[in-house]
Amino acid sequence: MAAHPAFDVTPNRYVTAIVTERGIARAPYEESLRRWWRRGDMEFRPRCLPTAVGSMPHTDPQAACDVILQHMPAIPTWPQLPRRSFRENMYVQFGERFPAWS
């Protein structure tokens, strides 16, 4: 069971199935997911916990970690601090071995 479900922004027309440990739900999703729910095969308890993706404006790593732990103690994240160093920029981190980049 997923403890912290997340949602992306994939357009519906590209989603052909929802695959879970309970099986595969196919369109129309409302019907197939309701069937699971009625059978008792699907349990969802939202916990409404925050999470984060992206960079922080800090230059001090300790200050950034303090903010994260204050607001997201259950799901802490590792901050990216591009104002601290060019190497903290996501393009540098993920493009390191990208062809034609030096």
C-alpha atoms as a PDB file:
ATOM      1  CA  MET A   1       0.000   0.000   0.000  1.00  0.00           C
ATOM      2  CA  ALA A   2       1.358   3.420  -0.917  1.00  0.00           C
ATOM      3  CA  ALA A   3       1.914   5.481   2.199  1.00  0.00           C
ATOM      4  CA  HIS A   4       2.196   8.781   0.349  1.00  0.00           C
ATOM      5  CA  PRO A   5       0.456   8.761  -3.042  1.00  0.00           C
ATOM      6  CA  ALA A   6       1.670  11.362  -5.506  1.00  0.00           C
ATOM      7  CA  PHE A   7       0.035  12.751  -8.601  1.00  0.00           C
ATOM      8  CA  ASP A   8       1.636  13.885 -11.822  1.00  0.00           C
ATOM      9  CA  VAL A   9       0.338  15.944 -14.718  1.00  0.00           C
ATOM     10  CA  THR A  10       0.237  13.302 -17.457  1.00  0.00           C
ATOM     11  CA  PRO A  11      -2.726  14.035 -19.746  1.00  0.00           C
ATOM     12  CA  ASN A  12      -5.510  11.423 -19.503  1.00  0.00           C
ATOM     13  CA  ARG A  13      -5.205  10.490 -23.175  1.00  0.00           C
ATOM     14  CA  TYR A  14      -1.737   9.017 -22.477  1.00  0.00           C
ATOM     15  CA  VAL A  15      -2.809   6.855 -19.525  1.00  0.00           C
ATOM     16  CA  THR A  16      -3.878   3.400 -20.668  1.00  0.00           C
ATOM     17  CA  ALA A  17      -3.963   1.703 -17.254  1.00  0.00           C
ATOM     18  CA  ILE A  18      -3.354   2.209 -13.551  1.00  0.00           C
ATOM     19  CA  VAL A  19      -1.180  -0.623 -12.245  1.00  0.00           C
ATOM     20  CA  THR A  20      -1.269  -1.402  -8.521  1.00  0.00           C
ATOM     21  CA  GLU A  21      -0.512  -4.317  -6.239  1.00  0.00           C
ATOM     22  CA  ARG A  22      -4.266  -5.094  -6.435  1.00  0.00           C
ATOM     23  CA  GLY A  23      -4.332  -5.442 -10.193  1.00  0.00           C
ATOM     24  CA  ILE A  24      -4.737  -3.300 -13.285  1.00  0.00           C
ATOM     25  CA  ALA A  25      -7.482  -0.695 -13.578  1.00  0.00           C
ATOM     26  CA  ARG A  26      -8.493   0.252 -17.111  1.00  0.00           C
ATOM     27  CA  ALA A  27     -10.712   3.006 -18.478  1.00  0.00           C
ATOM     28  CA  PRO A  28     -13.301   4.014 -17.506  1.00  0.00           C
ATOM     29  CA  TYR A  29     -11.317   4.412 -14.290  1.00  0.00           C
ATOM     30  CA  GLU A  30     -14.183   5.588 -12.135  1.00  0.00           C
ATOM     31  CA  GLU A  31     -15.944   2.258 -12.679  1.00  0.00           C
ATOM     32  CA  SER A  32     -12.943  -0.023 -12.215  1.00  0.00           C
ATOM     33  CA  LEU A  33     -11.650   1.819  -9.144  1.00  0.00           C
ATOM     34  CA  ARG A  34     -15.152   1.888  -7.600  1.00  0.00           C
ATOM     35  CA  ARG A  35     -15.397  -1.876  -8.075  1.00  0.00           C
ATOM     36  CA  TRP A  36     -12.183  -2.342  -6.087  1.00  0.00           C
ATOM     37  CA  TRP A  37     -13.431   0.046  -3.423  1.00  0.00           C
ATOM     38  CA  ARG A  38     -16.776  -1.752  -3.049  1.00  0.00           C
ATOM     39  CA  ARG A  39     -15.092  -5.170  -2.806  1.00  0.00           C
ATOM     40  CA  GLY A  40     -12.872  -3.883  -0.048  1.00  0.00           C
ATOM     41  CA  ASP A  41      -9.778  -4.476  -2.184  1.00  0.00           C
ATOM     42  CA  MET A  42      -8.722  -0.866  -2.017  1.00  0.00           C
ATOM     43  CA  GLU A  43      -7.788   0.947   1.148  1.00  0.00           C
ATOM     44  CA  PHE A  44      -6.800   4.589   1.056  1.00  0.00           C
ATOM     45  CA  ARG A  45      -6.064   6.628   4.148  1.00  0.00           C
ATOM     46  CA  PRO A  46      -4.851  10.084   3.174  1.00  0.00           C
ATOM     47  CA  ARG A  47      -2.238  11.404   5.539  1.00  0.00           C
ATOM     48  CA  CYS A  48      -1.918  14.844   3.916  1.00  0.00           C
ATOM     49  CA  LEU A  49       1.827  15.005   4.482  1.00  0.00           C
ATOM     50  CA  PRO A  50       3.856  17.667   2.682  1.00  0.00           C
ATOM     51  CA  THR A  51       6.765  16.940   0.391  1.00  0.00           C
ATOM     52  CA  ALA A  52       9.046  19.085  -1.764  1.00  0.00           C
ATOM     53  CA  VAL A  53      10.648  19.093  -5.183  1.00  0.00           C
ATOM     54  CA  GLY A  54      13.054  21.742  -6.403  1.00  0.00           C
ATOM     55  CA  SER A  55      15.621  24.208  -5.214  1.00  0.00           C
ATOM     56  CA  MET A  56      15.705  26.411  -2.142  1.00  0.00           C
ATOM     57  CA  PRO A  57      16.911  30.038  -2.083  1.00  0.00           C
ATOM     58  CA  HIS A  58      19.305  29.460   0.826  1.00  0.00           C
ATOM     59  CA  THR A  59      23.105  29.602   0.715  1.00  0.00           C
ATOM     60  CA  ASP A  60      23.576  27.997   4.141  1.00  0.00           C
ATOM     61  CA  PRO A  61      22.950  24.212   4.099  1.00  0.00           C
ATOM     62  CA  GLN A  62      22.153  24.082   7.831  1.00  0.00           C
ATOM     63  CA  ALA A  63      19.498  26.814   7.506  1.00  0.00           C
ATOM     64  CA  ALA A  64      17.936  25.000   4.535  1.00  0.00           C
ATOM     65  CA  CYS A  65      17.865  21.681   6.411  1.00  0.00           C
ATOM     66  CA  ASP A  66      16.348  23.379   9.458  1.00  0.00           C
ATOM     67  CA  VAL A  67      13.477  24.729   7.332  1.00  0.00           C
ATOM     68  CA  ILE A  68      12.887  21.315   5.776  1.00  0.00           C
ATOM     69  CA  LEU A  69      12.875  19.511   9.125  1.00  0.00           C
ATOM     70  CA  GLN A  70      10.581  22.129  10.645  1.00  0.00           C
ATOM     71  CA  HIS A  71       7.949  21.864   7.906  1.00  0.00           C
ATOM     72  CA  MET A  72       8.423  18.292   6.629  1.00  0.00           C
ATOM     73  CA  PRO A  73       9.671  16.116   9.507  1.00  0.00           C
ATOM     74  CA  ALA A  74       7.938  12.950   8.290  1.00  0.00           C
ATOM     75  CA  ILE A  75       9.323  13.083   4.729  1.00  0.00           C
ATOM     76  CA  PRO A  76      12.523  15.140   4.777  1.00  0.00           C
ATOM     77  CA  THR A  77      14.191  15.989   1.478  1.00  0.00           C
ATOM     78  CA  TRP A  78      17.735  16.876   0.525  1.00  0.00           C
ATOM     79  CA  PRO A  79      17.818  20.532  -0.592  1.00  0.00           C
ATOM     80  CA  GLN A  80      19.421  21.855  -3.750  1.00  0.00           C
ATOM     81  CA  LEU A  81      21.030  25.238  -3.147  1.00  0.00           C
ATOM     82  CA  PRO A  82      21.918  26.760  -6.548  1.00  0.00           C
ATOM     83  CA  ARG A  83      22.658  30.176  -4.975  1.00  0.00           C
ATOM     84  CA  ARG A  84      25.386  28.530  -2.912  1.00  0.00           C
ATOM     85  CA  SER A  85      27.284  27.025  -5.843  1.00  0.00           C
ATOM     86  CA  PHE A  86      26.917  26.538  -9.583  1.00  0.00           C
ATOM     87  CA  ARG A  87      27.357  22.807  -8.925  1.00  0.00           C
ATOM     88  CA  GLU A  88      24.063  22.759  -7.012  1.00  0.00           C
ATOM     89  CA  ASN A  89      22.146  23.656 -10.180  1.00  0.00           C
ATOM     90  CA  MET A  90      20.008  20.774 -11.446  1.00  0.00           C
ATOM     91  CA  TYR A  91      21.281  21.183 -15.029  1.00  0.00           C
ATOM     92  CA  VAL A  92      24.855  20.715 -13.869  1.00  0.00           C
ATOM     93  CA  GLN A  93      23.956  17.687 -11.733  1.00  0.00           C
ATOM     94  CA  PHE A  94      21.893  15.862 -14.332  1.00  0.00           C
ATOM     95  CA  GLY A  95      23.794  16.960 -17.417  1.00  0.00           C
ATOM     96  CA  GLU A  96      27.232  15.972 -16.154  1.00  0.00           C
ATOM     97  CA  ARG A  97      27.737  13.110 -18.607  1.00  0.00           C
ATOM     98  CA  PHE A  98      25.387  14.405 -21.290  1.00  0.00           C
ATOM     99  CA  PRO A  99      27.022  14.248 -24.749  1.00  0.00           C
ATOM    100  CA  ALA A 100      28.314  17.592 -26.124  1.00  0.00           C
ATOM    101  CA  TRP A 101      28.426  19.246 -22.689  1.00  0.00           C
ATOM    102  CA  SER A 102      31.810  20.136 -21.361  1.00  0.00           C
END
